[in-house]
C-alpha atoms as a PDB file:
ATOM      1  CA  MET A   1      -3.194 -10.243  -6.669  1.00  0.00           C
ATOM      2  CA  SER A   2      -0.294  -7.782  -6.762  1.00  0.00           C
ATOM      3  CA  ALA A   3       2.351 -10.159  -5.517  1.00  0.00           C
ATOM      4  CA  ILE A   4       5.488  -9.368  -3.599  1.00  0.00           C
ATOM      5  CA  VAL A   5       8.719 -11.264  -4.335  1.00  0.00           C
ATOM      6  CA  TYR A   6      12.035 -10.981  -2.457  1.00  0.00           C
ATOM      7  CA  THR A   7      14.503 -12.324  -5.100  1.00  0.00           C
ATOM      8  CA  GLY A   8      14.712 -12.852  -8.827  1.00  0.00           C
ATOM      9  CA  THR A   9      12.956 -10.928 -11.651  1.00  0.00           C
ATOM     10  CA  PRO A  10       9.433  -9.809 -10.984  1.00  0.00           C
ATOM     11  CA  SER A  11       6.714 -10.933 -13.450  1.00  0.00           C
ATOM     12  CA  ALA A  12       3.894  -8.778 -14.781  1.00  0.00           C
ATOM     13  CA  THR A  13       1.986  -9.197 -11.542  1.00  0.00           C
ATOM     14  CA  GLN A  14       4.833  -9.090  -8.999  1.00  0.00           C
ATOM     15  CA  ASN A  15       6.736  -6.345  -7.248  1.00  0.00           C
ATOM     16  CA  LEU A  16      10.309  -7.020  -6.163  1.00  0.00           C
ATOM     17  CA  VAL A  17      11.025  -5.774  -2.652  1.00  0.00           C
ATOM     18  CA  PRO A  18      14.306  -3.811  -2.772  1.00  0.00           C
ATOM     19  CA  THR A  19      15.519  -5.355   0.454  1.00  0.00           C
ATOM     20  CA  SER A  20      18.889  -3.633   0.382  1.00  0.00           C
ATOM     21  CA  ALA A  21      17.241  -0.204   0.376  1.00  0.00           C
ATOM     22  CA  LEU A  22      14.465  -1.004   2.937  1.00  0.00           C
ATOM     23  CA  THR A  23      16.691  -0.925   6.031  1.00  0.00           C
ATOM     24  CA  THR A  24      14.250   0.784   8.434  1.00  0.00           C
ATOM     25  CA  LEU A  25      10.614   0.345   9.284  1.00  0.00           C
ATOM     26  CA  GLU A  26       9.966   3.885   8.060  1.00  0.00           C
ATOM     27  CA  ARG A  27      11.361   3.077   4.601  1.00  0.00           C
ATOM     28  CA  LEU A  28       9.453  -0.141   4.433  1.00  0.00           C
ATOM     29  CA  LEU A  29       6.196   1.665   5.354  1.00  0.00           C
ATOM     30  CA  LEU A  30       6.739   4.406   2.845  1.00  0.00           C
ATOM     31  CA  TRP A  31       7.587   1.922   0.075  1.00  0.00           C
ATOM     32  CA  CYS A  32       4.371  -0.039   0.809  1.00  0.00           C
ATOM     33  CA  LEU A  33       2.220   3.068   0.958  1.00  0.00           C
ATOM     34  CA  LEU A  34       3.663   4.655  -2.198  1.00  0.00           C
ATOM     35  CA  LEU A  35       3.354   1.393  -4.156  1.00  0.00           C
ATOM     36  CA  PHE A  36      -0.234   0.987  -2.890  1.00  0.00           C
ATOM     37  CA  ASP A  37      -0.928   4.562  -3.970  1.00  0.00           C
ATOM     38  CA  PHE A  38       0.632   3.879  -7.414  1.00  0.00           C
ATOM     39  CA  LEU A  39      -1.654   0.909  -7.943  1.00  0.00           C
ATOM     40  CA  ASN A  40      -4.867   2.147  -6.284  1.00  0.00           C
ATOM     41  CA  SER A  41      -5.006   5.948  -6.161  1.00  0.00           C
ATOM     42  CA  MET A  42      -7.709   6.159  -8.862  1.00  0.00           C
ATOM     43  CA  LYS A  43     -10.090   3.672  -7.178  1.00  0.00           C
ATOM     44  CA  ASP A  44     -13.098   4.844  -5.162  1.00  0.00           C
ATOM     45  CA  VAL A  45     -14.441   3.239  -2.060  1.00  0.00           C
ATOM     46  CA  ASN A  46     -18.141   3.558  -1.247  1.00  0.00           C
ATOM     47  CA  LEU A  47     -18.212   4.009   2.493  1.00  0.00           C
ATOM     48  CA  LEU A  48     -21.739   5.202   2.722  1.00  0.00           C
ATOM     49  CA  ALA A  49     -24.649   5.434   0.316  1.00  0.00           C
ATOM     50  CA  GLY A  50     -23.656   8.058  -2.163  1.00  0.00           C
ATOM     51  CA  ASP A  51     -20.426   8.999  -0.336  1.00  0.00           C
ATOM     52  CA  THR A  52     -17.170   7.890  -1.943  1.00  0.00           C
ATOM     53  CA  VAL A  53     -13.518   8.461  -1.052  1.00  0.00           C
ATOM     54  CA  LYS A  54     -10.313   7.444  -2.779  1.00  0.00           C
ATOM     55  CA  GLN A  55      -8.809   4.085  -1.892  1.00  0.00           C
ATOM     56  CA  ILE A  56      -5.631   5.915  -0.878  1.00  0.00           C
ATOM     57  CA  SER A  57      -4.581   9.504  -0.930  1.00  0.00           C
ATOM     58  CA  TYR A  58      -1.783  11.549   0.602  1.00  0.00           C
ATOM     59  CA  GLN A  59      -0.895  15.103   1.176  1.00  0.00           C
ATOM     60  CA  ARG A  60       2.499  16.910   1.731  1.00  0.00           C
ATOM     61  CA  PHE A  61       3.062  18.981   4.871  1.00  0.00           C
ATOM     62  CA  LYS A  62       6.000  21.081   5.933  1.00  0.00           C
ATOM     63  CA  GLY A  63       6.433  20.715   9.701  1.00  0.00           C
ATOM     64  CA  LYS A  64       7.513  23.445  12.073  1.00  0.00           C
ATOM     65  CA  ASP A  65      10.690  21.420  12.442  1.00  0.00           C
ATOM     66  CA  GLY A  66      11.436  22.147   8.789  1.00  0.00           C
ATOM     67  CA  LEU A  67      10.864  18.515   7.660  1.00  0.00           C
ATOM     68  CA  LEU A  68       8.589  17.508   4.879  1.00  0.00           C
ATOM     69  CA  TYR A  69       5.881  14.998   5.961  1.00  0.00           C
ATOM     70  CA  LEU A  70       3.506  12.810   3.970  1.00  0.00           C
ATOM     71  CA  GLY A  71       0.089  12.155   5.448  1.00  0.00           C
ATOM     72  CA  PHE A  72      -1.774   9.204   4.156  1.00  0.00           C
ATOM     73  CA  THR A  73      -5.455   8.205   4.159  1.00  0.00           C
ATOM     74  CA  VAL A  74      -5.748   4.454   3.267  1.00  0.00           C
ATOM     75  CA  PHE A  75      -8.736   2.127   3.096  1.00  0.00           C
ATOM     76  CA  VAL A  76      -7.771  -1.483   3.035  1.00  0.00           C
ATOM     77  CA  PRO A  77     -10.613  -4.030   2.643  1.00  0.00           C
ATOM     78  CA  VAL A  78     -10.370  -6.941   5.123  1.00  0.00           C
ATOM     79  CA  SER A  79     -12.291 -10.115   5.773  1.00  0.00           C
ATOM     80  CA  ASP A  80     -15.485  -9.892   7.745  1.00  0.00           C
ATOM     81  CA  ASP A  81     -13.770 -12.202  10.231  1.00  0.00           C
ATOM     82  CA  PHE A  82     -11.143  -9.558  11.057  1.00  0.00           C
ATOM     83  CA  ASP A  83     -12.270  -8.951  14.623  1.00  0.00           C
ATOM     84  CA  ILE A  84     -12.756 -12.616  15.533  1.00  0.00           C
ATOM     85  CA  SER A  85     -10.300 -14.637  13.470  1.00  0.00           C
ATOM     86  CA  PRO A  86      -7.348 -16.222  15.215  1.00  0.00           C
ATOM     87  CA  ALA A  87      -5.278 -15.649  12.019  1.00  0.00           C
ATOM     88  CA  LYS A  88      -2.543 -13.024  11.791  1.00  0.00           C
ATOM     89  CA  PRO A  89      -4.399  -9.759  11.115  1.00  0.00           C
ATOM     90  CA  TRP A  90      -2.467  -8.861   7.981  1.00  0.00           C
ATOM     91  CA  THR A  91      -3.476 -12.142   6.378  1.00  0.00           C
ATOM     92  CA  LEU A  92      -7.058 -11.046   6.349  1.00  0.00           C
ATOM     93  CA  ALA A  93      -6.482  -8.263   3.824  1.00  0.00           C
ATOM     94  CA  ILE A  94      -8.514  -8.604   0.616  1.00  0.00           C
ATOM     95  CA  GLU A  95      -6.449  -8.230  -2.524  1.00  0.00           C
ATOM     96  CA  LEU A  96      -7.532  -5.435  -4.884  1.00  0.00           C
ATOM     97  CA  ASN A  97      -5.678  -6.110  -8.147  1.00  0.00           C
ATOM     98  CA  ASN A  98      -3.012  -8.015  -9.994  1.00  0.00           C
ATOM     99  CA  ALA A  99      -0.941  -5.202 -11.178  1.00  0.00           C
ATOM    100  CA  LYS A 100       2.739  -4.479 -11.038  1.00  0.00           C
ATOM    101  CA  GLY A 101       4.033  -1.059 -10.017  1.00  0.00           C
ATOM    102  CA  SER A 102       6.593   0.934 -11.944  1.00  0.00           C
ATOM    103  CA  ASP A 103      10.064  -0.538 -12.186  1.00  0.00           C
ATOM    104  CA  LEU A 104      11.013   2.348  -9.884  1.00  0.00           C
ATOM    105  CA  PHE A 105       9.589   0.267  -7.005  1.00  0.00           C
ATOM    106  CA  ASN A 106      11.711  -2.719  -7.885  1.00  0.00           C
ATOM    107  CA  THR A 107      15.180  -1.239  -7.309  1.00  0.00           C
END
């Protein structure tokens, strides 16, 4: 498991959430997606026989409004009980690794 911790010094399998910098939902979402990309961008997912895609990928787009946008495609494995379980949906995610991201993600 690639664990998340909120205080202290992260270990070799933990990522420290930089809570003082994650002040909006957008920042939290982008932190999570970029960390997930850092840890899993080289992994392939077999969706159909002979058809693979990357676990996560993103592209950069310049909008007509002049802003730079990142567009993500993400495949997160979940329990087979996802549609019927009374558990919180995010608790049904299947962990992919036990890696730690770059220290860039910890500050």
